[in-house]
Amino acid sequence: MAAAALEPWQTAAPRRRRSAARRPRPREAAAAAAPAPAPEAEPEVDGGAVLRRIREAGEDLIISDFWSSALETINRCLTQHLEQLNAPVGTLAEAVGDLHLDSSPDESDVAPGSIPGETLVTGASDWKCVCYGIGNFATCVIARNQLTFLLLFLEKCQIPRSHCCVYDPLFSQLEIAILNTLGVIVLSENEEGKRSVRGEPTIFYMLHCGTALYNNLLWSNWSVDALSKIVIIGNSFKGLEERLLTRILQRDYAYVAKILKGLEEQEFPQTSQYTDIFNDTSVHWFPVQKLKQLPTDTWAFREEPDYQDCEDLEIIRNKTAPSATDSDLR
């Protein structure tokens, strides 16, 4: 896989940065409770202005120490994951590891609605990507930076935007229109994280989401074969284990509890500029060797989570939809 050509970022006069107050987590629960607007909220504006702000966020992100450090963290995990999938490691080194930003794409190669440096993918990628819970990026600085990171990450890995599905029950019609312009696939139904990868290597981008969303995702892919094809960029599972009482974790989030000894986790770097945006974020993947070392009865338990006894569910349920076991990447 050839390295993505990146247009050099233009150094502009320093802009006065907006303060990014700590984003309530998880954002689904906060929205369901209809709280007062968070300090980082901005008035919703037209689509052109939002795209401009995404572009500006990209300019800031790509020249930051955080961006290069985060890519190195992801690169380490994906390299090992590709080895597990019997894929050539060199393809990832080219796609993710090449941080030289000194080449410029032709004007005809720039995708509509792209951020600086974005180029059309010249070769198909086997990776799929699913993003849950990104939030209201039109009005929230933190959500906008998280979306910008996702777009740059897709570019670096040469994952076509058409291979990336995005969903948040809080999306406004304006935000859905912007995402369509950016070329990602906006899911029409709330899957509650219950999406089977069906044998396709898939990266799930799930920052600051409720624990039930991770638990549902694990349940939907509860086998050595399926989990070995998954990478999760999201809340630290180590952090979940530390914060939740053991009995609560085992009762309400059984699949998270059972998989803790079957995964590898690399924490995202922490910098003062992006602390509130990527705090408590790690990259997780599931080595086959570790999965096979789990007790055999681990895989016999396949009961669908119902959360009837969960007092603080932290996600918005889709009460009208049937079980999402048939979810598939389209």
C-alpha atoms as a PDB file:
ATOM      1  CA  MET A   1       0.000   0.000   0.000  1.00  0.00           C
ATOM      2  CA  ALA A   2       1.612   3.275  -1.061  1.00  0.00           C
ATOM      3  CA  ALA A   3       1.957   6.072   1.419  1.00  0.00           C
ATOM      4  CA  ALA A   4      -0.692   8.754   1.264  1.00  0.00           C
ATOM      5  CA  ALA A   5       0.617  11.990  -0.249  1.00  0.00           C
ATOM      6  CA  LEU A   6       0.046  14.862   2.096  1.00  0.00           C
ATOM      7  CA  GLU A   7      -0.087  18.495   1.151  1.00  0.00           C
ATOM      8  CA  PRO A   8       2.224  20.610   3.360  1.00  0.00           C
ATOM      9  CA  TRP A   9       0.242  22.440   6.001  1.00  0.00           C
ATOM     10  CA  GLN A  10       0.246  26.185   5.674  1.00  0.00           C
ATOM     11  CA  THR A  11       1.551  27.961   8.748  1.00  0.00           C
ATOM     12  CA  ALA A  12      -0.855  30.760   9.523  1.00  0.00           C
ATOM     13  CA  ALA A  13      -0.685  33.478  12.126  1.00  0.00           C
ATOM     14  CA  PRO A  14      -1.488  32.008  15.530  1.00  0.00           C
ATOM     15  CA  ARG A  15      -5.193  31.977  16.249  1.00  0.00           C
ATOM     16  CA  ARG A  16      -6.558  32.565  19.697  1.00  0.00           C
ATOM     17  CA  ARG A  17      -7.527  29.086  20.827  1.00  0.00           C
ATOM     18  CA  ARG A  18     -10.903  28.417  22.289  1.00  0.00           C
ATOM     19  CA  SER A  19     -10.849  26.963  25.739  1.00  0.00           C
ATOM     20  CA  ALA A  20     -12.063  23.366  25.690  1.00  0.00           C
ATOM     21  CA  ALA A  21     -13.721  22.646  29.014  1.00  0.00           C
ATOM     22  CA  ARG A  22     -13.762  19.013  30.038  1.00  0.00           C
ATOM     23  CA  ARG A  23     -16.399  17.225  28.014  1.00  0.00           C
ATOM     24  CA  PRO A  24     -18.954  15.388  30.133  1.00  0.00           C
ATOM     25  CA  ARG A  25     -18.540  11.667  29.626  1.00  0.00           C
ATOM     26  CA  PRO A  26     -20.339   9.821  28.277  1.00  0.00           C
ATOM     27  CA  ARG A  27     -21.967  12.363  26.044  1.00  0.00           C
ATOM     28  CA  GLU A  28     -24.991  10.152  25.335  1.00  0.00           C
ATOM     29  CA  ALA A  29     -26.058  10.163  28.963  1.00  0.00           C
ATOM     30  CA  ALA A  30     -25.507  13.878  29.269  1.00  0.00           C
ATOM     31  CA  ALA A  31     -27.635  14.535  26.224  1.00  0.00           C
ATOM     32  CA  ALA A  32     -30.413  12.263  27.429  1.00  0.00           C
ATOM     33  CA  ALA A  33     -30.605  14.257  30.633  1.00  0.00           C
ATOM     34  CA  ALA A  34     -30.899  17.480  28.592  1.00  0.00           C
ATOM     35  CA  PRO A  35     -28.404  19.531  30.634  1.00  0.00           C
ATOM     36  CA  ALA A  36     -27.534  23.171  30.122  1.00  0.00           C
ATOM     37  CA  PRO A  37     -25.154  23.739  27.174  1.00  0.00           C
ATOM     38  CA  ALA A  38     -21.589  22.759  28.020  1.00  0.00           C
ATOM     39  CA  PRO A  39     -18.991  25.512  28.206  1.00  0.00           C
ATOM     40  CA  GLU A  40     -17.402  24.408  24.923  1.00  0.00           C
ATOM     41  CA  ALA A  41     -20.698  24.546  23.006  1.00  0.00           C
ATOM     42  CA  GLU A  42     -20.975  27.007  20.137  1.00  0.00           C
ATOM     43  CA  PRO A  43     -24.012  28.231  18.200  1.00  0.00           C
ATOM     44  CA  GLU A  44     -24.724  25.943  15.258  1.00  0.00           C
ATOM     45  CA  VAL A  45     -23.725  27.608  11.996  1.00  0.00           C
ATOM     46  CA  ASP A  46     -23.932  26.787   8.294  1.00  0.00           C
ATOM     47  CA  GLY A  47     -22.198  23.795   6.775  1.00  0.00           C
ATOM     48  CA  GLY A  48     -19.502  25.837   5.082  1.00  0.00           C
ATOM     49  CA  ALA A  49     -18.429  27.357   8.386  1.00  0.00           C
ATOM     50  CA  VAL A  50     -18.300  23.927  10.050  1.00  0.00           C
ATOM     51  CA  LEU A  51     -16.146  22.530   7.232  1.00  0.00           C
ATOM     52  CA  ARG A  52     -13.831  25.523   7.592  1.00  0.00           C
ATOM     53  CA  ARG A  53     -13.499  24.853  11.322  1.00  0.00           C
ATOM     54  CA  ILE A  54     -12.731  21.179  10.650  1.00  0.00           C
ATOM     55  CA  ARG A  55     -10.038  22.317   8.231  1.00  0.00           C
ATOM     56  CA  GLU A  56      -8.570  24.672  10.824  1.00  0.00           C
ATOM     57  CA  ALA A  57      -8.631  21.920  13.444  1.00  0.00           C
ATOM     58  CA  GLY A  58      -6.711  19.722  11.012  1.00  0.00           C
ATOM     59  CA  GLU A  59      -4.086  22.418  10.510  1.00  0.00           C
ATOM     60  CA  ASP A  60      -3.531  22.600  14.248  1.00  0.00           C
ATOM     61  CA  LEU A  61      -3.588  18.848  14.806  1.00  0.00           C
ATOM     62  CA  ILE A  62      -1.150  17.776  12.131  1.00  0.00           C
ATOM     63  CA  ILE A  63       1.637  20.085  13.345  1.00  0.00           C
ATOM     64  CA  SER A  64       1.175  19.077  16.975  1.00  0.00           C
ATOM     65  CA  ASP A  65       3.413  16.720  18.942  1.00  0.00           C
ATOM     66  CA  PHE A  66       0.265  14.827  19.894  1.00  0.00           C
ATOM     67  CA  TRP A  67      -0.520  13.861  16.290  1.00  0.00           C
ATOM     68  CA  SER A  68       2.856  12.242  15.604  1.00  0.00           C
ATOM     69  CA  SER A  69       2.902  10.528  19.016  1.00  0.00           C
ATOM     70  CA  ALA A  70      -0.637   9.198  18.598  1.00  0.00           C
ATOM     71  CA  LEU A  71       0.207   7.811  15.158  1.00  0.00           C
ATOM     72  CA  GLU A  72       3.227   6.030  16.620  1.00  0.00           C
ATOM     73  CA  THR A  73       1.001   4.462  19.270  1.00  0.00           C
ATOM     74  CA  ILE A  74      -1.545   3.306  16.699  1.00  0.00           C
ATOM     75  CA  ASN A  75       1.225   2.118  14.396  1.00  0.00           C
ATOM     76  CA  ARG A  76       2.657  -0.201  17.050  1.00  0.00           C
ATOM     77  CA  CYS A  77      -0.723  -1.837  17.630  1.00  0.00           C
ATOM     78  CA  LEU A  78      -1.744  -2.129  13.988  1.00  0.00           C
ATOM     79  CA  THR A  79       1.630  -3.535  12.977  1.00  0.00           C
ATOM     80  CA  GLN A  80       1.182  -6.388  15.452  1.00  0.00           C
ATOM     81  CA  HIS A  81      -2.429  -6.779  14.424  1.00  0.00           C
ATOM     82  CA  LEU A  82      -1.491  -7.042  10.750  1.00  0.00           C
ATOM     83  CA  GLU A  83       1.098  -9.671  11.594  1.00  0.00           C
ATOM     84  CA  GLN A  84      -1.714 -11.602  13.242  1.00  0.00           C
ATOM     85  CA  LEU A  85      -3.796 -11.296  10.084  1.00  0.00           C
ATOM     86  CA  ASN A  86      -0.834 -12.490   7.972  1.00  0.00           C
ATOM     87  CA  ALA A  87      -0.707  -9.149   6.201  1.00  0.00           C
ATOM     88  CA  PRO A  88       2.581  -7.602   5.009  1.00  0.00           C
ATOM     89  CA  VAL A  89       3.827  -5.301   7.741  1.00  0.00           C
ATOM     90  CA  GLY A  90       5.454  -3.031   5.187  1.00  0.00           C
ATOM     91  CA  THR A  91       2.095  -1.849   3.928  1.00  0.00           C
ATOM     92  CA  LEU A  92       1.265  -0.346   7.316  1.00  0.00           C
ATOM     93  CA  ALA A  93       4.721   1.173   7.707  1.00  0.00           C
ATOM     94  CA  GLU A  94       4.115   2.996   4.455  1.00  0.00           C
ATOM     95  CA  ALA A  95       0.552   4.011   5.249  1.00  0.00           C
ATOM     96  CA  VAL A  96       0.892   5.043   8.884  1.00  0.00           C
ATOM     97  CA  GLY A  97       4.566   5.292   9.691  1.00  0.00           C
ATOM     98  CA  ASP A  98       5.484   7.777   6.966  1.00  0.00           C
ATOM     99  CA  LEU A  99       5.208  11.143   8.666  1.00  0.00           C
ATOM    100  CA  HIS A 100       7.051  13.152   6.007  1.00  0.00           C
ATOM    101  CA  LEU A 101       4.620  15.862   4.939  1.00  0.00           C
ATOM    102  CA  ASP A 102       6.628  17.344   2.092  1.00  0.00           C
ATOM    103  CA  SER A 103       4.645  16.201  -0.952  1.00  0.00           C
ATOM    104  CA  SER A 104       1.675  17.937  -2.509  1.00  0.00           C
ATOM    105  CA  PRO A 105      -1.232  16.264  -4.273  1.00  0.00           C
ATOM    106  CA  ASP A 106      -2.466  17.408  -7.629  1.00  0.00           C
ATOM    107  CA  GLU A 107      -5.551  19.598  -7.507  1.00  0.00           C
ATOM    108  CA  SER A 108      -7.539  16.838  -9.193  1.00  0.00           C
ATOM    109  CA  ASP A 109      -6.690  14.452  -6.352  1.00  0.00           C
ATOM    110  CA  VAL A 110      -8.278  16.510  -3.582  1.00  0.00           C
ATOM    111  CA  ALA A 111     -11.542  15.085  -2.270  1.00  0.00           C
ATOM    112  CA  PRO A 112     -14.611  17.338  -1.975  1.00  0.00           C
ATOM    113  CA  GLY A 113     -14.951  18.780   1.503  1.00  0.00           C
ATOM    114  CA  SER A 114     -11.507  17.541   2.476  1.00  0.00           C
ATOM    115  CA  ILE A 115      -9.212  18.980   5.076  1.00  0.00           C
ATOM    116  CA  PRO A 116      -5.714  20.147   4.049  1.00  0.00           C
ATOM    117  CA  GLY A 117      -3.521  17.327   2.880  1.00  0.00           C
ATOM    118  CA  GLU A 118      -6.418  14.952   2.210  1.00  0.00           C
ATOM    119  CA  THR A 119      -6.005  12.929  -0.972  1.00  0.00           C
ATOM    120  CA  LEU A 120      -8.117  10.407  -2.757  1.00  0.00           C
ATOM    121  CA  VAL A 121      -7.083   6.863  -2.034  1.00  0.00           C
ATOM    122  CA  THR A 122      -5.206   5.336  -4.944  1.00  0.00           C
ATOM    123  CA  GLY A 123      -5.604   1.717  -3.835  1.00  0.00           C
ATOM    124  CA  ALA A 124      -8.330  -0.261  -2.099  1.00  0.00           C
ATOM    125  CA  SER A 125      -7.872  -1.049   1.591  1.00  0.00           C
ATOM    126  CA  ASP A 126      -9.064  -4.152   3.385  1.00  0.00           C
ATOM    127  CA  TRP A 127      -9.785  -2.177   6.555  1.00  0.00           C
ATOM    128  CA  LYS A 128     -13.230  -1.069   7.593  1.00  0.00           C
ATOM    129  CA  CYS A 129     -13.857   1.608  10.189  1.00  0.00           C
ATOM    130  CA  VAL A 130     -16.856   2.272  12.426  1.00  0.00           C
ATOM    131  CA  CYS A 131     -17.210   5.419  14.503  1.00  0.00           C
ATOM    132  CA  TYR A 132     -19.739   5.620  17.332  1.00  0.00           C
ATOM    133  CA  GLY A 133     -20.596   8.549  19.597  1.00  0.00           C
ATOM    134  CA  ILE A 134     -18.551  11.347  18.040  1.00  0.00           C
ATOM    135  CA  GLY A 135     -21.031  13.953  19.317  1.00  0.00           C
ATOM    136  CA  ASN A 136     -22.252  17.302  17.979  1.00  0.00           C
ATOM    137  CA  PHE A 137     -19.153  18.418  16.103  1.00  0.00           C
ATOM    138  CA  ALA A 138     -20.919  21.440  14.588  1.00  0.00           C
ATOM    139  CA  THR A 139     -21.188  23.083  17.991  1.00  0.00           C
ATOM    140  CA  CYS A 140     -18.612  21.304  20.180  1.00  0.00           C
ATOM    141  CA  VAL A 141     -14.875  21.931  19.919  1.00  0.00           C
ATOM    142  CA  ILE A 142     -13.978  18.564  21.472  1.00  0.00           C
ATOM    143  CA  ALA A 143     -16.219  16.544  19.142  1.00  0.00           C
ATOM    144  CA  ARG A 144     -14.895  18.486  16.140  1.00  0.00           C
ATOM    145  CA  ASN A 145     -11.289  17.688  17.054  1.00  0.00           C
ATOM    146  CA  GLN A 146     -12.167  14.017  17.492  1.00  0.00           C
ATOM    147  CA  LEU A 147     -13.801  13.957  14.046  1.00  0.00           C
ATOM    148  CA  THR A 148     -10.790  15.724  12.540  1.00  0.00           C
ATOM    149  CA  PHE A 149      -8.468  13.102  14.012  1.00  0.00           C
ATOM    150  CA  LEU A 150     -10.620  10.354  12.504  1.00  0.00           C
ATOM    151  CA  LEU A 151     -10.477  11.937   9.029  1.00  0.00           C
ATOM    152  CA  LEU A 152      -6.708  12.338   9.189  1.00  0.00           C
ATOM    153  CA  PHE A 153      -6.325   8.799  10.496  1.00  0.00           C
ATOM    154  CA  LEU A 154      -8.367   7.391   7.604  1.00  0.00           C
ATOM    155  CA  GLU A 155      -6.147   9.303   5.206  1.00  0.00           C
ATOM    156  CA  LYS A 156      -2.932   8.068   6.777  1.00  0.00           C
ATOM    157  CA  CYS A 157      -4.071   4.422   6.709  1.00  0.00           C
ATOM    158  CA  GLN A 158      -5.494   4.909   3.216  1.00  0.00           C
ATOM    159  CA  ILE A 159      -8.894   3.680   4.330  1.00  0.00           C
ATOM    160  CA  PRO A 160     -11.450   5.124   1.899  1.00  0.00           C
ATOM    161  CA  ARG A 161     -14.012   7.293   3.628  1.00  0.00           C
ATOM    162  CA  SER A 162     -16.670   5.169   1.968  1.00  0.00           C
ATOM    163  CA  HIS A 163     -15.391   2.308   4.173  1.00  0.00           C
ATOM    164  CA  CYS A 164     -16.104   4.289   7.333  1.00  0.00           C
ATOM    165  CA  CYS A 165     -19.536   4.166   8.997  1.00  0.00           C
ATOM    166  CA  VAL A 166     -20.460   6.862  11.506  1.00  0.00           C
ATOM    167  CA  TYR A 167     -23.347   7.109  13.958  1.00  0.00           C
ATOM    168  CA  ASP A 168     -24.465   9.207  16.895  1.00  0.00           C
ATOM    169  CA  PRO A 169     -28.137   9.487  17.909  1.00  0.00           C
ATOM    170  CA  LEU A 170     -27.507  13.173  18.651  1.00  0.00           C
ATOM    171  CA  PHE A 171     -26.476  14.165  15.112  1.00  0.00           C
ATOM    172  CA  SER A 172     -28.398  17.144  13.743  1.00  0.00           C
ATOM    173  CA  GLN A 173     -29.572  17.216  10.128  1.00  0.00           C
ATOM    174  CA  LEU A 174     -26.811  19.722   9.381  1.00  0.00           C
ATOM    175  CA  GLU A 175     -24.176  17.370  10.795  1.00  0.00           C
ATOM    176  CA  ILE A 176     -25.539  14.438   8.783  1.00  0.00           C
ATOM    177  CA  ALA A 177     -25.343  16.570   5.629  1.00  0.00           C
ATOM    178  CA  ILE A 178     -21.747  17.566   6.435  1.00  0.00           C
ATOM    179  CA  LEU A 179     -20.725  13.955   7.029  1.00  0.00           C
ATOM    180  CA  ASN A 180     -22.283  12.978   3.714  1.00  0.00           C
ATOM    181  CA  THR A 181     -20.276  15.768   2.064  1.00  0.00           C
ATOM    182  CA  LEU A 182     -17.117  14.450   3.697  1.00  0.00           C
ATOM    183  CA  GLY A 183     -17.816  11.060   2.126  1.00  0.00           C
ATOM    184  CA  VAL A 184     -18.335   8.842   5.173  1.00  0.00           C
ATOM    185  CA  ILE A 185     -21.385   6.597   5.551  1.00  0.00           C
ATOM    186  CA  VAL A 186     -23.913   7.821   8.124  1.00  0.00           C
ATOM    187  CA  LEU A 187     -25.837   4.892   9.592  1.00  0.00           C
ATOM    188  CA  SER A 188     -29.589   5.389   9.756  1.00  0.00           C
ATOM    189  CA  GLU A 189     -30.307   3.229  12.827  1.00  0.00           C
ATOM    190  CA  ASN A 190     -29.011   3.082  16.362  1.00  0.00           C
ATOM    191  CA  GLU A 191     -27.160  -0.236  16.522  1.00  0.00           C
ATOM    192  CA  GLU A 192     -26.238   0.205  20.205  1.00  0.00           C
ATOM    193  CA  GLY A 193     -22.777  -1.023  19.198  1.00  0.00           C
ATOM    194  CA  LYS A 194     -24.134  -4.459  18.214  1.00  0.00           C
ATOM    195  CA  ARG A 195     -22.242  -4.803  14.942  1.00  0.00           C
ATOM    196  CA  SER A 196     -20.619  -8.001  13.742  1.00  0.00           C
ATOM    197  CA  VAL A 197     -17.462  -7.569  11.692  1.00  0.00           C
ATOM    198  CA  ARG A 198     -18.268 -10.750   9.743  1.00  0.00           C
ATOM    199  CA  GLY A 199     -14.637 -11.634   9.111  1.00  0.00           C
ATOM    200  CA  GLU A 200     -13.535  -8.176   7.966  1.00  0.00           C
ATOM    201  CA  PRO A 201     -10.674  -6.426   9.814  1.00  0.00           C
ATOM    202  CA  THR A 202     -12.355  -3.447  11.440  1.00  0.00           C
ATOM    203  CA  ILE A 203     -11.222  -0.477  13.496  1.00  0.00           C
ATOM    204  CA  PHE A 204     -13.816   0.886  15.920  1.00  0.00           C
ATOM    205  CA  TYR A 205     -13.331   4.545  16.861  1.00  0.00           C
ATOM    206  CA  MET A 206     -15.370   5.088  20.032  1.00  0.00           C
ATOM    207  CA  LEU A 207     -14.063   7.965  22.141  1.00  0.00           C
ATOM    208  CA  HIS A 208     -15.755   8.739  25.484  1.00  0.00           C
ATOM    209  CA  CYS A 209     -18.600   6.297  24.847  1.00  0.00           C
ATOM    210  CA  GLY A 210     -20.668   4.485  27.479  1.00  0.00           C
ATOM    211  CA  THR A 211     -19.328   1.146  28.750  1.00  0.00           C
ATOM    212  CA  ALA A 212     -22.433  -0.665  27.468  1.00  0.00           C
ATOM    213  CA  LEU A 213     -21.464   0.254  23.915  1.00  0.00           C
ATOM    214  CA  TYR A 214     -18.152  -1.598  24.255  1.00  0.00           C
ATOM    215  CA  ASN A 215     -19.874  -4.496  25.991  1.00  0.00           C
ATOM    216  CA  ASN A 216     -22.415  -4.785  23.145  1.00  0.00           C
ATOM    217  CA  LEU A 217     -19.652  -4.708  20.538  1.00  0.00           C
ATOM    218  CA  LEU A 218     -17.787  -7.528  22.269  1.00  0.00           C
ATOM    219  CA  TRP A 219     -20.969  -9.607  22.570  1.00  0.00           C
ATOM    220  CA  SER A 220     -21.665  -9.199  18.851  1.00  0.00           C
ATOM    221  CA  ASN A 221     -18.205 -10.567  18.043  1.00  0.00           C
ATOM    222  CA  TRP A 222     -17.800 -13.103  20.845  1.00  0.00           C
ATOM    223  CA  SER A 223     -15.380 -15.592  19.283  1.00  0.00           C
ATOM    224  CA  VAL A 224     -11.632 -15.894  18.879  1.00  0.00           C
ATOM    225  CA  ASP A 225     -11.886 -15.425  15.126  1.00  0.00           C
ATOM    226  CA  ALA A 226     -14.028 -12.272  15.223  1.00  0.00           C
ATOM    227  CA  LEU A 227     -12.234 -10.521  18.088  1.00  0.00           C
ATOM    228  CA  SER A 228      -8.852 -11.195  16.483  1.00  0.00           C
ATOM    229  CA  LYS A 229      -9.947  -8.984  13.580  1.00  0.00           C
ATOM    230  CA  ILE A 230     -10.970  -6.011  15.742  1.00  0.00           C
ATOM    231  CA  VAL A 231      -9.078  -2.931  16.902  1.00  0.00           C
ATOM    232  CA  ILE A 232     -10.785  -0.503  19.294  1.00  0.00           C
ATOM    233  CA  ILE A 233      -9.679   3.093  19.732  1.00  0.00           C
ATOM    234  CA  GLY A 234     -11.660   4.267  22.722  1.00  0.00           C
ATOM    235  CA  ASN A 235     -11.959   4.354  26.501  1.00  0.00           C
ATOM    236  CA  SER A 236      -9.172   2.567  28.321  1.00  0.00           C
ATOM    237  CA  PHE A 237     -10.318  -0.899  29.391  1.00  0.00           C
ATOM    238  CA  LYS A 238      -7.734  -0.754  32.176  1.00  0.00           C
ATOM    239  CA  GLY A 239      -9.396   2.454  33.313  1.00  0.00           C
ATOM    240  CA  LEU A 240     -12.813   0.791  33.271  1.00  0.00           C
ATOM    241  CA  GLU A 241     -11.477  -2.032  35.427  1.00  0.00           C
ATOM    242  CA  GLU A 242     -10.005   0.449  37.897  1.00  0.00           C
ATOM    243  CA  ARG A 243     -13.067   2.708  38.128  1.00  0.00           C
ATOM    244  CA  LEU A 244     -15.860   0.140  38.332  1.00  0.00           C
ATOM    245  CA  LEU A 245     -16.499  -2.145  41.266  1.00  0.00           C
ATOM    246  CA  THR A 246     -15.731  -5.737  40.296  1.00  0.00           C
ATOM    247  CA  ARG A 247     -19.287  -6.911  41.002  1.00  0.00           C
ATOM    248  CA  ILE A 248     -20.736  -4.102  38.845  1.00  0.00           C
ATOM    249  CA  LEU A 249     -18.333  -4.826  35.998  1.00  0.00           C
ATOM    250  CA  GLN A 250     -19.099  -8.551  36.062  1.00  0.00           C
ATOM    251  CA  ARG A 251     -22.867  -8.095  36.449  1.00  0.00           C
ATOM    252  CA  ASP A 252     -23.552  -5.272  33.989  1.00  0.00           C
ATOM    253  CA  TYR A 253     -20.633  -5.520  31.558  1.00  0.00           C
ATOM    254  CA  ALA A 254     -19.771  -9.212  31.576  1.00  0.00           C
ATOM    255  CA  TYR A 255     -18.084  -9.241  28.168  1.00  0.00           C
ATOM    256  CA  VAL A 256     -15.755  -6.379  29.090  1.00  0.00           C
ATOM    257  CA  ALA A 257     -14.912  -8.185  32.341  1.00  0.00           C
ATOM    258  CA  LYS A 258     -14.221 -11.498  30.591  1.00  0.00           C
ATOM    259  CA  ILE A 259     -11.982 -10.048  27.877  1.00  0.00           C
ATOM    260  CA  LEU A 260      -9.604  -8.045  30.111  1.00  0.00           C
ATOM    261  CA  LYS A 261      -7.003 -10.840  30.114  1.00  0.00           C
ATOM    262  CA  GLY A 262      -7.367 -11.390  26.365  1.00  0.00           C
ATOM    263  CA  LEU A 263      -6.326  -7.996  25.014  1.00  0.00           C
ATOM    264  CA  GLU A 264      -3.358  -5.701  24.524  1.00  0.00           C
ATOM    265  CA  GLU A 265      -3.726  -1.998  25.288  1.00  0.00           C
ATOM    266  CA  GLN A 266      -1.609   1.029  24.413  1.00  0.00           C
ATOM    267  CA  GLU A 267      -2.499   4.387  25.964  1.00  0.00           C
ATOM    268  CA  PHE A 268      -2.749   7.510  23.834  1.00  0.00           C
ATOM    269  CA  PRO A 269      -0.142  10.168  24.588  1.00  0.00           C
ATOM    270  CA  GLN A 270      -1.257  13.033  26.803  1.00  0.00           C
ATOM    271  CA  THR A 271      -0.449  16.640  25.930  1.00  0.00           C
ATOM    272  CA  SER A 272      -1.808  19.816  27.486  1.00  0.00           C
ATOM    273  CA  GLN A 273      -3.322  20.957  24.181  1.00  0.00           C
ATOM    274  CA  TYR A 274      -5.507  17.855  23.712  1.00  0.00           C
ATOM    275  CA  THR A 275      -5.970  16.594  27.264  1.00  0.00           C
ATOM    276  CA  ASP A 276      -9.760  17.041  27.354  1.00  0.00           C
ATOM    277  CA  ILE A 277     -10.200  15.660  23.847  1.00  0.00           C
ATOM    278  CA  PHE A 278      -8.321  12.353  24.056  1.00  0.00           C
ATOM    279  CA  ASN A 279      -8.135  11.721  27.785  1.00  0.00           C
ATOM    280  CA  ASP A 280      -8.620   8.107  28.923  1.00  0.00           C
ATOM    281  CA  THR A 281      -8.120   6.897  25.338  1.00  0.00           C
ATOM    282  CA  SER A 282      -6.249   3.734  24.356  1.00  0.00           C
ATOM    283  CA  VAL A 283      -5.781   1.447  21.367  1.00  0.00           C
ATOM    284  CA  HIS A 284      -6.916  -2.138  22.033  1.00  0.00           C
ATOM    285  CA  TRP A 285      -6.411  -5.288  20.018  1.00  0.00           C
ATOM    286  CA  PHE A 286      -6.937  -8.986  20.739  1.00  0.00           C
ATOM    287  CA  PRO A 287      -3.995 -11.349  20.168  1.00  0.00           C
ATOM    288  CA  VAL A 288      -5.111 -14.836  19.155  1.00  0.00           C
ATOM    289  CA  GLN A 289      -2.670 -16.427  21.577  1.00  0.00           C
ATOM    290  CA  LYS A 290      -4.163 -14.539  24.516  1.00  0.00           C
ATOM    291  CA  LEU A 291      -7.729 -15.278  23.433  1.00  0.00           C
ATOM    292  CA  LYS A 292      -6.991 -19.011  23.202  1.00  0.00           C
ATOM    293  CA  GLN A 293      -5.533 -18.964  26.708  1.00  0.00           C
ATOM    294  CA  LEU A 294      -8.815 -17.813  28.223  1.00  0.00           C
ATOM    295  CA  PRO A 295     -10.864 -20.524  29.983  1.00  0.00           C
ATOM    296  CA  THR A 296     -12.887 -22.563  27.507  1.00  0.00           C
ATOM    297  CA  ASP A 297     -16.165 -21.694  29.228  1.00  0.00           C
ATOM    298  CA  THR A 298     -15.477 -18.039  28.387  1.00  0.00           C
ATOM    299  CA  TRP A 299     -16.825 -18.594  24.903  1.00  0.00           C
ATOM    300  CA  ALA A 300     -19.814 -20.682  25.996  1.00  0.00           C
ATOM    301  CA  PHE A 301     -21.435 -17.652  27.623  1.00  0.00           C
ATOM    302  CA  ARG A 302     -23.247 -15.775  24.821  1.00  0.00           C
ATOM    303  CA  GLU A 303     -26.265 -14.211  26.509  1.00  0.00           C
ATOM    304  CA  GLU A 304     -27.295 -10.870  24.991  1.00  0.00           C
ATOM    305  CA  PRO A 305     -26.819  -7.993  27.452  1.00  0.00           C
ATOM    306  CA  ASP A 306     -30.077  -6.451  28.719  1.00  0.00           C
ATOM    307  CA  TYR A 307     -28.864  -4.064  31.463  1.00  0.00           C
ATOM    308  CA  GLN A 308     -32.083  -4.423  33.462  1.00  0.00           C
ATOM    309  CA  ASP A 309     -30.192  -3.985  36.734  1.00  0.00           C
ATOM    310  CA  CYS A 310     -27.874  -1.256  35.462  1.00  0.00           C
ATOM    311  CA  GLU A 311     -28.540   2.042  37.224  1.00  0.00           C
ATOM    312  CA  ASP A 312     -26.381   4.239  34.979  1.00  0.00           C
ATOM    313  CA  LEU A 313     -26.485   2.785  31.481  1.00  0.00           C
ATOM    314  CA  GLU A 314     -24.720   5.707  29.753  1.00  0.00           C
ATOM    315  CA  ILE A 315     -26.047   5.037  26.247  1.00  0.00           C
ATOM    316  CA  ILE A 316     -29.202   5.852  24.333  1.00  0.00           C
ATOM    317  CA  ARG A 317     -31.158   2.658  23.630  1.00  0.00           C
ATOM    318  CA  ASN A 318     -32.924   1.781  20.413  1.00  0.00           C
ATOM    319  CA  LYS A 319     -36.084   0.344  21.920  1.00  0.00           C
ATOM    320  CA  THR A 320     -37.889  -0.100  18.610  1.00  0.00           C
ATOM    321  CA  ALA A 321     -35.233  -2.148  16.841  1.00  0.00           C
ATOM    322  CA  PRO A 322     -34.853  -5.941  16.975  1.00  0.00           C
ATOM    323  CA  SER A 323     -31.634  -7.558  18.129  1.00  0.00           C
ATOM    324  CA  ALA A 324     -28.756  -6.177  16.104  1.00  0.00           C
ATOM    325  CA  THR A 325     -26.924  -9.449  15.561  1.00  0.00           C
ATOM    326  CA  ASP A 326     -27.513  -9.107  11.835  1.00  0.00           C
ATOM    327  CA  SER A 327     -25.699  -5.754  11.605  1.00  0.00           C
ATOM    328  CA  ASP A 328     -23.157  -5.804   8.860  1.00  0.00           C
ATOM    329  CA  LEU A 329     -20.697  -3.431   7.249  1.00  0.00           C
ATOM    330  CA  ARG A 330     -22.159  -2.156   4.084  1.00  0.00           C
END
